[in-house]
Amino acid sequence: MKYSEIISERMWNQPDKGELEAERENTFIDDIVQKAHIEKELLQSLDGIKTAFDGGAGCGRFSILLAKKGIKVTHFDISQPMINKAKEIAAMEGVGERITFVKGALEDLSAYADRSFDLVMSFDSPISYTYPDQEKVIGELIRIANKRILISVSSRLGALPYLANPIQKNQFILDKDSKDLWVQWCISSRDRMVESFTFTKDKLLGAYESGLLCDVEEAKQAYDRGEIPWSISYHFMPDELERILKKYGVKEIKMAGPGAYARTIPNDILVKIMNDPSQREAFLDFCHMFDSNPYVCGMGKDNLFAKGEVE
């Protein structure tokens, strides 16, 4: 196993990961915006789809959605806690029999033959966690797709502002009274993070050129010390992702940057919108339109989204 795989496995297999990931849309507004965008695109892409593969499926946000539409889904993830949570939710929704749950890493899809699934999807950047094999993994996902592929990966242009904004997540807290430990950490650490922040141009330039926001060697050393570092993650440029998709035969490529519009709005306004059902629906519709504009697709808050037809 490579470091990217073993670090990801340790991180995503923490016992609380299933519960935490299942609650993200109740915790952070950026997750609401991103997943609403993906859901719209996914539901518009089901013509002729009877089988689907969800790579890095997490707690089943989208595999369960497709199962409800009568599609037979393979739910594939590196995290047993998240698979367990997905099974629990699928059973509650009455679609457990339509989903095959598989624990595995995206670096190895050799168990699946060419064109095994009508639709292949992989959302919330598990592809990016396979560095340095991210391009190979995209090729493998395309190989097992028969009709259509939809993916989201970490966005380089979208992520670079993180390095100059240590409190960026505070903007998207939905409920400041939430008992979620990450929410409370963001709030309690805000002033300290601002006071200790120093803008470092060289760090930004390094990330811009390499696509890596963390030091790979430091992450490896932390893992060897028994710690749980954030997964090594590769961030894509829009033209780079498009080139890779075309290289492996994907046509009619559509790209977007979910969160590009929402990141311009302060927290108190976002919370007001999210707490009003009519405003929320209209806002998410507008975000989808705005974030799909090719001029802003690289500036999605976390992810760069792409879909296309497989030859």
C-alpha atoms as a PDB file:
ATOM      1  CA  MET A   1       0.000   0.000   0.000  1.00  0.00           C
ATOM      2  CA  LYS A   2       1.186   3.522  -0.811  1.00  0.00           C
ATOM      3  CA  TYR A   3       1.260   6.311   1.750  1.00  0.00           C
ATOM      4  CA  SER A   4      -1.703   8.085   0.168  1.00  0.00           C
ATOM      5  CA  GLU A   5      -3.776   4.937   0.605  1.00  0.00           C
ATOM      6  CA  ILE A   6      -2.715   4.027   4.137  1.00  0.00           C
ATOM      7  CA  ILE A   7      -3.081   7.615   5.388  1.00  0.00           C
ATOM      8  CA  SER A   8      -6.552   7.863   3.855  1.00  0.00           C
ATOM      9  CA  GLU A   9      -7.524   4.512   5.312  1.00  0.00           C
ATOM     10  CA  ARG A  10      -6.450   5.535   8.813  1.00  0.00           C
ATOM     11  CA  MET A  11      -8.185   8.901   8.586  1.00  0.00           C
ATOM     12  CA  TRP A  12     -11.492   7.757   7.126  1.00  0.00           C
ATOM     13  CA  ASN A  13     -11.704   4.686   9.360  1.00  0.00           C
ATOM     14  CA  GLN A  14     -11.851   6.676  12.583  1.00  0.00           C
ATOM     15  CA  PRO A  15     -14.848   5.350  14.551  1.00  0.00           C
ATOM     16  CA  ASP A  16     -16.798   8.635  14.456  1.00  0.00           C
ATOM     17  CA  LYS A  17     -16.400   9.243  10.711  1.00  0.00           C
ATOM     18  CA  GLY A  18     -19.691   7.624   9.773  1.00  0.00           C
ATOM     19  CA  GLU A  19     -21.772   9.803  12.085  1.00  0.00           C
ATOM     20  CA  LEU A  20     -19.839  12.989  11.287  1.00  0.00           C
ATOM     21  CA  GLU A  21     -20.021  12.600   7.518  1.00  0.00           C
ATOM     22  CA  ALA A  22     -23.722  11.746   7.623  1.00  0.00           C
ATOM     23  CA  GLU A  23     -24.420  15.069   9.352  1.00  0.00           C
ATOM     24  CA  ARG A  24     -22.374  17.378   7.128  1.00  0.00           C
ATOM     25  CA  GLU A  25     -25.390  18.847   5.354  1.00  0.00           C
ATOM     26  CA  ASN A  26     -26.902  19.695   8.728  1.00  0.00           C
ATOM     27  CA  THR A  27     -23.679  21.325   9.877  1.00  0.00           C
ATOM     28  CA  PHE A  28     -22.061  23.343   7.101  1.00  0.00           C
ATOM     29  CA  ILE A  29     -23.692  25.421   4.355  1.00  0.00           C
ATOM     30  CA  ASP A  30     -20.935  24.786   1.814  1.00  0.00           C
ATOM     31  CA  ASP A  31     -21.772  21.078   1.972  1.00  0.00           C
ATOM     32  CA  ILE A  32     -25.435  21.878   1.337  1.00  0.00           C
ATOM     33  CA  VAL A  33     -24.543  23.938  -1.738  1.00  0.00           C
ATOM     34  CA  GLN A  34     -22.104  21.391  -3.138  1.00  0.00           C
ATOM     35  CA  LYS A  35     -24.348  18.375  -2.678  1.00  0.00           C
ATOM     36  CA  ALA A  36     -27.395  20.210  -4.035  1.00  0.00           C
ATOM     37  CA  HIS A  37     -25.404  21.001  -7.184  1.00  0.00           C
ATOM     38  CA  ILE A  38     -24.295  17.394  -7.614  1.00  0.00           C
ATOM     39  CA  GLU A  39     -27.802  16.075  -6.974  1.00  0.00           C
ATOM     40  CA  LYS A  40     -29.242  18.284  -9.722  1.00  0.00           C
ATOM     41  CA  GLU A  41     -26.612  17.098 -12.187  1.00  0.00           C
ATOM     42  CA  LEU A  42     -26.996  13.467 -11.185  1.00  0.00           C
ATOM     43  CA  LEU A  43     -30.780  13.426 -11.501  1.00  0.00           C
ATOM     44  CA  GLN A  44     -30.432  14.953 -14.978  1.00  0.00           C
ATOM     45  CA  SER A  45     -28.049  12.135 -15.989  1.00  0.00           C
ATOM     46  CA  LEU A  46     -30.123   9.000 -15.396  1.00  0.00           C
ATOM     47  CA  ASP A  47     -31.477   8.395 -18.888  1.00  0.00           C
ATOM     48  CA  GLY A  48     -30.723   4.793 -19.794  1.00  0.00           C
ATOM     49  CA  ILE A  49     -29.030   4.096 -16.453  1.00  0.00           C
ATOM     50  CA  LYS A  50     -29.772   0.775 -14.729  1.00  0.00           C
ATOM     51  CA  THR A  51     -26.503   0.153 -12.861  1.00  0.00           C
ATOM     52  CA  ALA A  52     -24.119   2.529 -11.086  1.00  0.00           C
ATOM     53  CA  PHE A  53     -20.779   2.483  -9.276  1.00  0.00           C
ATOM     54  CA  ASP A  54     -20.202   5.030  -6.504  1.00  0.00           C
ATOM     55  CA  GLY A  55     -16.477   5.269  -5.786  1.00  0.00           C
ATOM     56  CA  GLY A  56     -15.755   6.763  -2.377  1.00  0.00           C
ATOM     57  CA  ALA A  57     -19.458   6.601  -1.586  1.00  0.00           C
ATOM     58  CA  GLY A  58     -19.125   7.588   2.070  1.00  0.00           C
ATOM     59  CA  CYS A  59     -22.408   7.424   3.971  1.00  0.00           C
ATOM     60  CA  GLY A  60     -24.452   6.888   0.832  1.00  0.00           C
ATOM     61  CA  ARG A  61     -25.685  10.396   0.069  1.00  0.00           C
ATOM     62  CA  PHE A  62     -25.831   9.593  -3.662  1.00  0.00           C
ATOM     63  CA  SER A  63     -25.786   5.797  -3.803  1.00  0.00           C
ATOM     64  CA  ILE A  64     -28.981   5.730  -1.727  1.00  0.00           C
ATOM     65  CA  LEU A  65     -30.508   8.454  -3.908  1.00  0.00           C
ATOM     66  CA  LEU A  66     -29.971   6.314  -7.010  1.00  0.00           C
ATOM     67  CA  ALA A  67     -31.217   3.179  -5.281  1.00  0.00           C
ATOM     68  CA  LYS A  68     -34.462   5.031  -4.560  1.00  0.00           C
ATOM     69  CA  LYS A  69     -34.741   5.571  -8.314  1.00  0.00           C
ATOM     70  CA  GLY A  70     -34.628   1.814  -8.856  1.00  0.00           C
ATOM     71  CA  ILE A  71     -30.980   1.715  -9.951  1.00  0.00           C
ATOM     72  CA  LYS A  72     -28.741  -1.144  -8.811  1.00  0.00           C
ATOM     73  CA  VAL A  73     -25.742   0.478  -7.094  1.00  0.00           C
ATOM     74  CA  THR A  74     -22.304  -0.712  -6.000  1.00  0.00           C
ATOM     75  CA  HIS A  75     -21.315   1.393  -2.976  1.00  0.00           C
ATOM     76  CA  PHE A  76     -17.500   1.350  -2.790  1.00  0.00           C
ATOM     77  CA  ASP A  77     -15.557   3.009   0.030  1.00  0.00           C
ATOM     78  CA  ILE A  78     -12.315   2.733   2.004  1.00  0.00           C
ATOM     79  CA  SER A  79     -14.040   3.409   5.348  1.00  0.00           C
ATOM     80  CA  GLN A  80     -15.868   0.654   7.227  1.00  0.00           C
ATOM     81  CA  PRO A  81     -17.505   3.141   9.655  1.00  0.00           C
ATOM     82  CA  MET A  82     -18.984   5.040   6.705  1.00  0.00           C
ATOM     83  CA  ILE A  83     -20.115   1.830   5.006  1.00  0.00           C
ATOM     84  CA  ASN A  84     -21.800   0.801   8.251  1.00  0.00           C
ATOM     85  CA  LYS A  85     -23.600   4.140   8.441  1.00  0.00           C
ATOM     86  CA  ALA A  86     -24.628   3.874   4.782  1.00  0.00           C
ATOM     87  CA  LYS A  87     -26.064   0.395   5.409  1.00  0.00           C
ATOM     88  CA  GLU A  88     -28.034   1.766   8.344  1.00  0.00           C
ATOM     89  CA  ILE A  89     -29.474   4.640   6.305  1.00  0.00           C
ATOM     90  CA  ALA A  90     -30.194   2.403   3.300  1.00  0.00           C
ATOM     91  CA  ALA A  91     -32.129  -0.003   5.520  1.00  0.00           C
ATOM     92  CA  MET A  92     -34.145   2.865   6.989  1.00  0.00           C
ATOM     93  CA  GLU A  93     -34.943   4.063   3.465  1.00  0.00           C
ATOM     94  CA  GLY A  94     -35.934   0.559   2.370  1.00  0.00           C
ATOM     95  CA  VAL A  95     -33.360   0.260  -0.423  1.00  0.00           C
ATOM     96  CA  GLY A  96     -30.677  -1.932   1.147  1.00  0.00           C
ATOM     97  CA  GLU A  97     -31.386  -4.786  -1.267  1.00  0.00           C
ATOM     98  CA  ARG A  98     -30.551  -2.571  -4.256  1.00  0.00           C
ATOM     99  CA  ILE A  99     -27.072  -1.697  -2.986  1.00  0.00           C
ATOM    100  CA  THR A 100     -23.938  -3.853  -2.915  1.00  0.00           C
ATOM    101  CA  PHE A 101     -21.512  -2.576  -0.284  1.00  0.00           C
ATOM    102  CA  VAL A 102     -17.806  -3.070  -0.962  1.00  0.00           C
ATOM    103  CA  LYS A 103     -14.829  -1.976   1.162  1.00  0.00           C
ATOM    104  CA  GLY A 104     -11.869  -1.080  -0.995  1.00  0.00           C
ATOM    105  CA  ALA A 105      -9.502   1.599  -2.254  1.00  0.00           C
ATOM    106  CA  LEU A 106      -9.944   3.420  -5.555  1.00  0.00           C
ATOM    107  CA  GLU A 107      -6.329   2.610  -6.396  1.00  0.00           C
ATOM    108  CA  ASP A 108      -7.439  -0.951  -7.185  1.00  0.00           C
ATOM    109  CA  LEU A 109     -10.533  -1.479  -9.329  1.00  0.00           C
ATOM    110  CA  SER A 110      -9.165  -4.633 -10.967  1.00  0.00           C
ATOM    111  CA  ALA A 111     -12.149  -6.658  -9.717  1.00  0.00           C
ATOM    112  CA  TYR A 112     -14.382  -4.860 -12.224  1.00  0.00           C
ATOM    113  CA  ALA A 113     -14.411  -5.592 -15.936  1.00  0.00           C
ATOM    114  CA  ASP A 114     -14.486  -2.949 -18.645  1.00  0.00           C
ATOM    115  CA  ARG A 115     -17.881  -1.231 -19.032  1.00  0.00           C
ATOM    116  CA  SER A 116     -19.298  -2.903 -15.903  1.00  0.00           C
ATOM    117  CA  PHE A 117     -21.619  -0.044 -14.937  1.00  0.00           C
ATOM    118  CA  ASP A 118     -23.878   2.249 -16.934  1.00  0.00           C
ATOM    119  CA  LEU A 119     -22.920   5.169 -14.717  1.00  0.00           C
ATOM    120  CA  VAL A 120     -19.792   5.722 -12.641  1.00  0.00           C
ATOM    121  CA  MET A 121     -19.640   8.486 -10.053  1.00  0.00           C
ATOM    122  CA  SER A 122     -17.143   9.634  -7.454  1.00  0.00           C
ATOM    123  CA  PHE A 123     -17.892  12.744  -5.411  1.00  0.00           C
ATOM    124  CA  ASP A 124     -16.310  14.843  -2.673  1.00  0.00           C
ATOM    125  CA  SER A 125     -12.745  14.289  -3.888  1.00  0.00           C
ATOM    126  CA  PRO A 126     -11.790  10.672  -3.093  1.00  0.00           C
ATOM    127  CA  ILE A 127      -9.943  10.704  -6.429  1.00  0.00           C
ATOM    128  CA  SER A 128      -7.735  13.501  -5.134  1.00  0.00           C
ATOM    129  CA  TYR A 129      -6.761  11.384  -2.121  1.00  0.00           C
ATOM    130  CA  THR A 130      -5.134   8.789  -4.397  1.00  0.00           C
ATOM    131  CA  TYR A 131      -2.093  11.010  -5.170  1.00  0.00           C
ATOM    132  CA  PRO A 132       0.209  10.326  -6.991  1.00  0.00           C
ATOM    133  CA  ASP A 133      -2.101   7.937  -8.887  1.00  0.00           C
ATOM    134  CA  GLN A 134      -4.994  10.347  -9.419  1.00  0.00           C
ATOM    135  CA  GLU A 135      -4.817  10.301 -13.225  1.00  0.00           C
ATOM    136  CA  LYS A 136      -4.604   6.504 -13.318  1.00  0.00           C
ATOM    137  CA  VAL A 137      -7.624   6.277 -11.005  1.00  0.00           C
ATOM    138  CA  ILE A 138      -9.663   8.551 -13.286  1.00  0.00           C
ATOM    139  CA  GLY A 139      -8.710   6.296 -16.191  1.00  0.00           C
ATOM    140  CA  GLU A 140      -9.856   3.233 -14.257  1.00  0.00           C
ATOM    141  CA  LEU A 141     -13.179   4.828 -13.340  1.00  0.00           C
ATOM    142  CA  ILE A 142     -13.741   5.641 -17.003  1.00  0.00           C
ATOM    143  CA  ARG A 143     -12.746   2.088 -17.974  1.00  0.00           C
ATOM    144  CA  ILE A 144     -15.531   0.549 -15.903  1.00  0.00           C
ATOM    145  CA  ALA A 145     -18.141   3.079 -17.131  1.00  0.00           C
ATOM    146  CA  ASN A 146     -20.405   2.064 -20.000  1.00  0.00           C
ATOM    147  CA  LYS A 147     -22.354   5.266 -20.648  1.00  0.00           C
ATOM    148  CA  ARG A 148     -21.603   8.170 -18.331  1.00  0.00           C
ATOM    149  CA  ILE A 149     -19.201   9.431 -15.675  1.00  0.00           C
ATOM    150  CA  LEU A 150     -19.674  12.133 -13.029  1.00  0.00           C
ATOM    151  CA  ILE A 151     -16.882  13.090 -10.646  1.00  0.00           C
ATOM    152  CA  SER A 152     -15.747  15.851  -8.354  1.00  0.00           C
ATOM    153  CA  VAL A 153     -12.124  16.412  -7.383  1.00  0.00           C
ATOM    154  CA  SER A 154     -10.285  18.911  -5.214  1.00  0.00           C
ATOM    155  CA  SER A 155     -10.005  22.262  -6.988  1.00  0.00           C
ATOM    156  CA  ARG A 156      -6.621  23.992  -6.986  1.00  0.00           C
ATOM    157  CA  LEU A 157      -7.882  27.503  -7.664  1.00  0.00           C
ATOM    158  CA  GLY A 158     -10.779  26.982  -5.275  1.00  0.00           C
ATOM    159  CA  ALA A 159      -8.563  25.697  -2.471  1.00  0.00           C
ATOM    160  CA  LEU A 160      -5.718  28.239  -2.659  1.00  0.00           C
ATOM    161  CA  PRO A 161      -7.704  30.888  -0.721  1.00  0.00           C
ATOM    162  CA  TYR A 162      -7.658  28.475   2.250  1.00  0.00           C
ATOM    163  CA  LEU A 163      -3.957  29.188   2.666  1.00  0.00           C
ATOM    164  CA  ALA A 164      -4.753  32.885   3.167  1.00  0.00           C
ATOM    165  CA  ASN A 165      -7.901  32.333   5.244  1.00  0.00           C
ATOM    166  CA  PRO A 166      -7.526  30.074   8.301  1.00  0.00           C
ATOM    167  CA  ILE A 167     -11.123  30.848   9.348  1.00  0.00           C
ATOM    168  CA  GLN A 168     -12.770  30.103   5.995  1.00  0.00           C
ATOM    169  CA  LYS A 169     -14.955  27.333   7.433  1.00  0.00           C
ATOM    170  CA  ASN A 170     -16.583  29.752   9.902  1.00  0.00           C
ATOM    171  CA  GLN A 171     -18.353  31.437   7.004  1.00  0.00           C
ATOM    172  CA  PHE A 172     -20.370  28.271   6.402  1.00  0.00           C
ATOM    173  CA  ILE A 173     -21.417  27.225   9.913  1.00  0.00           C
ATOM    174  CA  LEU A 174     -25.166  26.672   9.801  1.00  0.00           C
ATOM    175  CA  ASP A 175     -25.824  26.490  13.557  1.00  0.00           C
ATOM    176  CA  LYS A 176     -23.326  28.042  15.961  1.00  0.00           C
ATOM    177  CA  ASP A 177     -24.989  26.145  18.827  1.00  0.00           C
ATOM    178  CA  SER A 178     -24.333  22.801  17.167  1.00  0.00           C
ATOM    179  CA  LYS A 179     -22.698  20.220  19.401  1.00  0.00           C
ATOM    180  CA  ASP A 180     -20.470  19.127  16.514  1.00  0.00           C
ATOM    181  CA  LEU A 181     -16.904  19.299  17.819  1.00  0.00           C
ATOM    182  CA  TRP A 182     -15.553  20.743  14.572  1.00  0.00           C
ATOM    183  CA  VAL A 183     -18.106  23.559  14.675  1.00  0.00           C
ATOM    184  CA  GLN A 184     -17.181  24.390  18.248  1.00  0.00           C
ATOM    185  CA  TRP A 185     -13.465  24.223  17.452  1.00  0.00           C
ATOM    186  CA  CYS A 186     -13.902  26.637  14.516  1.00  0.00           C
ATOM    187  CA  ILE A 187     -15.721  29.092  16.776  1.00  0.00           C
ATOM    188  CA  SER A 188     -13.429  28.816  19.797  1.00  0.00           C
ATOM    189  CA  SER A 189     -10.245  28.971  17.697  1.00  0.00           C
ATOM    190  CA  ARG A 190     -11.260  31.884  15.483  1.00  0.00           C
ATOM    191  CA  ASP A 191      -9.435  34.708  17.271  1.00  0.00           C
ATOM    192  CA  ARG A 192      -6.328  32.601  17.851  1.00  0.00           C
ATOM    193  CA  MET A 193      -6.200  31.589  14.188  1.00  0.00           C
ATOM    194  CA  VAL A 194      -6.449  35.225  13.066  1.00  0.00           C
ATOM    195  CA  GLU A 195      -3.793  36.413  15.511  1.00  0.00           C
ATOM    196  CA  SER A 196      -1.329  33.681  14.579  1.00  0.00           C
ATOM    197  CA  PHE A 197      -1.846  33.974  10.809  1.00  0.00           C
ATOM    198  CA  THR A 198       0.964  35.172   8.548  1.00  0.00           C
ATOM    199  CA  PHE A 199       0.594  35.462   4.785  1.00  0.00           C
ATOM    200  CA  THR A 200       3.298  33.405   3.090  1.00  0.00           C
ATOM    201  CA  LYS A 201       3.560  33.972  -0.632  1.00  0.00           C
ATOM    202  CA  ASP A 202       6.050  31.160  -1.214  1.00  0.00           C
ATOM    203  CA  LYS A 203       3.687  28.606   0.318  1.00  0.00           C
ATOM    204  CA  LEU A 204       0.894  29.736  -1.975  1.00  0.00           C
ATOM    205  CA  LEU A 205       3.149  29.642  -5.027  1.00  0.00           C
ATOM    206  CA  GLY A 206       4.282  26.141  -4.129  1.00  0.00           C
ATOM    207  CA  ALA A 207       0.698  24.929  -3.873  1.00  0.00           C
ATOM    208  CA  TYR A 208      -0.262  26.722  -7.086  1.00  0.00           C
ATOM    209  CA  GLU A 209       2.532  24.988  -8.985  1.00  0.00           C
ATOM    210  CA  SER A 210       2.318  21.515  -7.408  1.00  0.00           C
ATOM    211  CA  GLY A 211      -1.367  21.073  -6.608  1.00  0.00           C
ATOM    212  CA  LEU A 212      -0.433  19.951  -3.087  1.00  0.00           C
ATOM    213  CA  LEU A 213      -1.511  22.059  -0.101  1.00  0.00           C
ATOM    214  CA  CYS A 214       0.264  19.905   2.465  1.00  0.00           C
ATOM    215  CA  ASP A 215       3.822  18.659   2.790  1.00  0.00           C
ATOM    216  CA  VAL A 216       3.797  15.017   1.702  1.00  0.00           C
ATOM    217  CA  GLU A 217       6.861  14.072   3.743  1.00  0.00           C
ATOM    218  CA  GLU A 218       5.418  15.652   6.882  1.00  0.00           C
ATOM    219  CA  ALA A 219       2.208  13.667   6.392  1.00  0.00           C
ATOM    220  CA  LYS A 220       4.199  10.442   6.003  1.00  0.00           C
ATOM    221  CA  GLN A 221       6.206  11.146   9.150  1.00  0.00           C
ATOM    222  CA  ALA A 222       3.054  11.948  11.117  1.00  0.00           C
ATOM    223  CA  TYR A 223       1.530   8.647  10.011  1.00  0.00           C
ATOM    224  CA  ASP A 224       4.667   6.749  11.061  1.00  0.00           C
ATOM    225  CA  ARG A 225       4.416   8.393  14.498  1.00  0.00           C
ATOM    226  CA  GLY A 226       0.943   6.907  14.862  1.00  0.00           C
ATOM    227  CA  GLU A 227      -0.871  10.184  14.219  1.00  0.00           C
ATOM    228  CA  ILE A 228      -3.847  10.766  11.890  1.00  0.00           C
ATOM    229  CA  PRO A 229      -2.799  13.458   9.387  1.00  0.00           C
ATOM    230  CA  TRP A 230      -5.218  14.824   6.818  1.00  0.00           C
ATOM    231  CA  SER A 231      -5.091  12.688   3.692  1.00  0.00           C
ATOM    232  CA  ILE A 232      -2.542  13.668   1.054  1.00  0.00           C
ATOM    233  CA  SER A 233      -4.691  15.383  -1.566  1.00  0.00           C
ATOM    234  CA  TYR A 234      -3.972  16.504  -5.123  1.00  0.00           C
ATOM    235  CA  HIS A 235      -5.801  19.609  -6.379  1.00  0.00           C
ATOM    236  CA  PHE A 236      -6.659  19.852 -10.078  1.00  0.00           C
ATOM    237  CA  MET A 237      -6.721  22.781 -12.473  1.00  0.00           C
ATOM    238  CA  PRO A 238      -9.842  22.843 -14.694  1.00  0.00           C
ATOM    239  CA  ASP A 239      -7.982  22.467 -17.984  1.00  0.00           C
ATOM    240  CA  GLU A 240      -5.924  19.639 -16.501  1.00  0.00           C
ATOM    241  CA  LEU A 241      -9.004  17.650 -15.496  1.00  0.00           C
ATOM    242  CA  GLU A 242     -10.620  18.228 -18.883  1.00  0.00           C
ATOM    243  CA  ARG A 243      -7.462  17.034 -20.640  1.00  0.00           C
ATOM    244  CA  ILE A 244      -7.388  13.812 -18.589  1.00  0.00           C
ATOM    245  CA  LEU A 245     -11.052  13.072 -19.262  1.00  0.00           C
ATOM    246  CA  LYS A 246     -10.567  13.592 -22.995  1.00  0.00           C
ATOM    247  CA  LYS A 247      -7.443  11.427 -22.960  1.00  0.00           C
ATOM    248  CA  TYR A 248      -9.507   8.477 -21.719  1.00  0.00           C
ATOM    249  CA  GLY A 249     -12.304   9.008 -24.221  1.00  0.00           C
ATOM    250  CA  VAL A 250     -14.885  11.113 -22.377  1.00  0.00           C
ATOM    251  CA  LYS A 251     -16.980  13.363 -24.623  1.00  0.00           C
ATOM    252  CA  GLU A 252     -19.507  16.168 -24.084  1.00  0.00           C
ATOM    253  CA  ILE A 253     -17.686  17.269 -20.937  1.00  0.00           C
ATOM    254  CA  LYS A 254     -19.470  19.714 -18.652  1.00  0.00           C
ATOM    255  CA  MET A 255     -17.621  21.279 -15.724  1.00  0.00           C
ATOM    256  CA  ALA A 256     -18.622  23.401 -12.734  1.00  0.00           C
ATOM    257  CA  GLY A 257     -17.351  24.866  -9.482  1.00  0.00           C
ATOM    258  CA  PRO A 258     -19.969  24.254  -6.775  1.00  0.00           C
ATOM    259  CA  GLY A 259     -19.724  26.957  -4.116  1.00  0.00           C
ATOM    260  CA  ALA A 260     -18.241  29.701  -6.297  1.00  0.00           C
ATOM    261  CA  TYR A 261     -21.211  31.998  -5.675  1.00  0.00           C
ATOM    262  CA  ALA A 262     -21.854  31.068  -2.035  1.00  0.00           C
ATOM    263  CA  ARG A 263     -18.292  31.852  -1.007  1.00  0.00           C
ATOM    264  CA  THR A 264     -18.952  35.549  -1.761  1.00  0.00           C
ATOM    265  CA  ILE A 265     -21.710  35.826   0.881  1.00  0.00           C
ATOM    266  CA  PRO A 266     -21.193  36.397   4.656  1.00  0.00           C
ATOM    267  CA  ASN A 267     -22.319  33.849   7.225  1.00  0.00           C
ATOM    268  CA  ASP A 268     -25.245  35.770   8.695  1.00  0.00           C
ATOM    269  CA  ILE A 269     -26.822  36.185   5.251  1.00  0.00           C
ATOM    270  CA  LEU A 270     -26.199  32.548   4.310  1.00  0.00           C
ATOM    271  CA  VAL A 271     -27.802  31.352   7.546  1.00  0.00           C
ATOM    272  CA  LYS A 272     -30.845  33.566   6.938  1.00  0.00           C
ATOM    273  CA  ILE A 273     -31.251  32.134   3.448  1.00  0.00           C
ATOM    274  CA  MET A 274     -30.832  28.523   4.581  1.00  0.00           C
ATOM    275  CA  ASN A 275     -33.433  28.911   7.340  1.00  0.00           C
ATOM    276  CA  ASP A 276     -36.138  30.115   4.932  1.00  0.00           C
ATOM    277  CA  PRO A 277     -37.317  27.214   2.713  1.00  0.00           C
ATOM    278  CA  SER A 278     -38.413  29.437  -0.191  1.00  0.00           C
ATOM    279  CA  GLN A 279     -35.208  31.498  -0.178  1.00  0.00           C
ATOM    280  CA  ARG A 280     -33.118  28.358   0.197  1.00  0.00           C
ATOM    281  CA  GLU A 281     -34.599  26.632  -2.852  1.00  0.00           C
ATOM    282  CA  ALA A 282     -34.252  29.750  -5.009  1.00  0.00           C
ATOM    283  CA  PHE A 283     -30.699  30.330  -3.765  1.00  0.00           C
ATOM    284  CA  LEU A 284     -29.570  26.773  -4.517  1.00  0.00           C
ATOM    285  CA  ASP A 285     -31.091  27.006  -8.006  1.00  0.00           C
ATOM    286  CA  PHE A 286     -29.212  30.236  -8.680  1.00  0.00           C
ATOM    287  CA  CYS A 287     -25.981  28.791  -7.263  1.00  0.00           C
ATOM    288  CA  HIS A 288     -26.285  25.861  -9.661  1.00  0.00           C
ATOM    289  CA  MET A 289     -26.650  28.190 -12.630  1.00  0.00           C
ATOM    290  CA  PHE A 290     -23.849  30.548 -11.539  1.00  0.00           C
ATOM    291  CA  ASP A 291     -21.420  27.798 -10.526  1.00  0.00           C
ATOM    292  CA  SER A 292     -21.924  26.032 -13.860  1.00  0.00           C
ATOM    293  CA  ASN A 293     -20.582  29.033 -15.776  1.00  0.00           C
ATOM    294  CA  PRO A 294     -17.195  28.052 -17.234  1.00  0.00           C
ATOM    295  CA  TYR A 295     -15.697  31.384 -16.192  1.00  0.00           C
ATOM    296  CA  VAL A 296     -16.033  30.507 -12.493  1.00  0.00           C
ATOM    297  CA  CYS A 297     -15.751  26.694 -12.520  1.00  0.00           C
ATOM    298  CA  GLY A 298     -12.259  26.728 -11.036  1.00  0.00           C
ATOM    299  CA  MET A 299     -13.378  28.737  -8.033  1.00  0.00           C
ATOM    300  CA  GLY A 300     -15.767  26.247  -6.470  1.00  0.00           C
ATOM    301  CA  LYS A 301     -15.202  26.278  -2.743  1.00  0.00           C
ATOM    302  CA  ASP A 302     -13.829  22.760  -2.438  1.00  0.00           C
ATOM    303  CA  ASN A 303     -14.509  20.807  -5.563  1.00  0.00           C
ATOM    304  CA  LEU A 304     -14.226  20.882  -9.308  1.00  0.00           C
ATOM    305  CA  PHE A 305     -17.145  18.971 -10.830  1.00  0.00           C
ATOM    306  CA  ALA A 306     -17.153  17.254 -14.216  1.00  0.00           C
ATOM    307  CA  LYS A 307     -19.445  14.947 -16.144  1.00  0.00           C
ATOM    308  CA  GLY A 308     -19.391  13.481 -19.604  1.00  0.00           C
ATOM    309  CA  GLU A 309     -20.334  10.656 -21.930  1.00  0.00           C
ATOM    310  CA  VAL A 310     -18.107   7.625 -22.330  1.00  0.00           C
ATOM    311  CA  GLU A 311     -17.279   6.416 -25.816  1.00  0.00           C
END
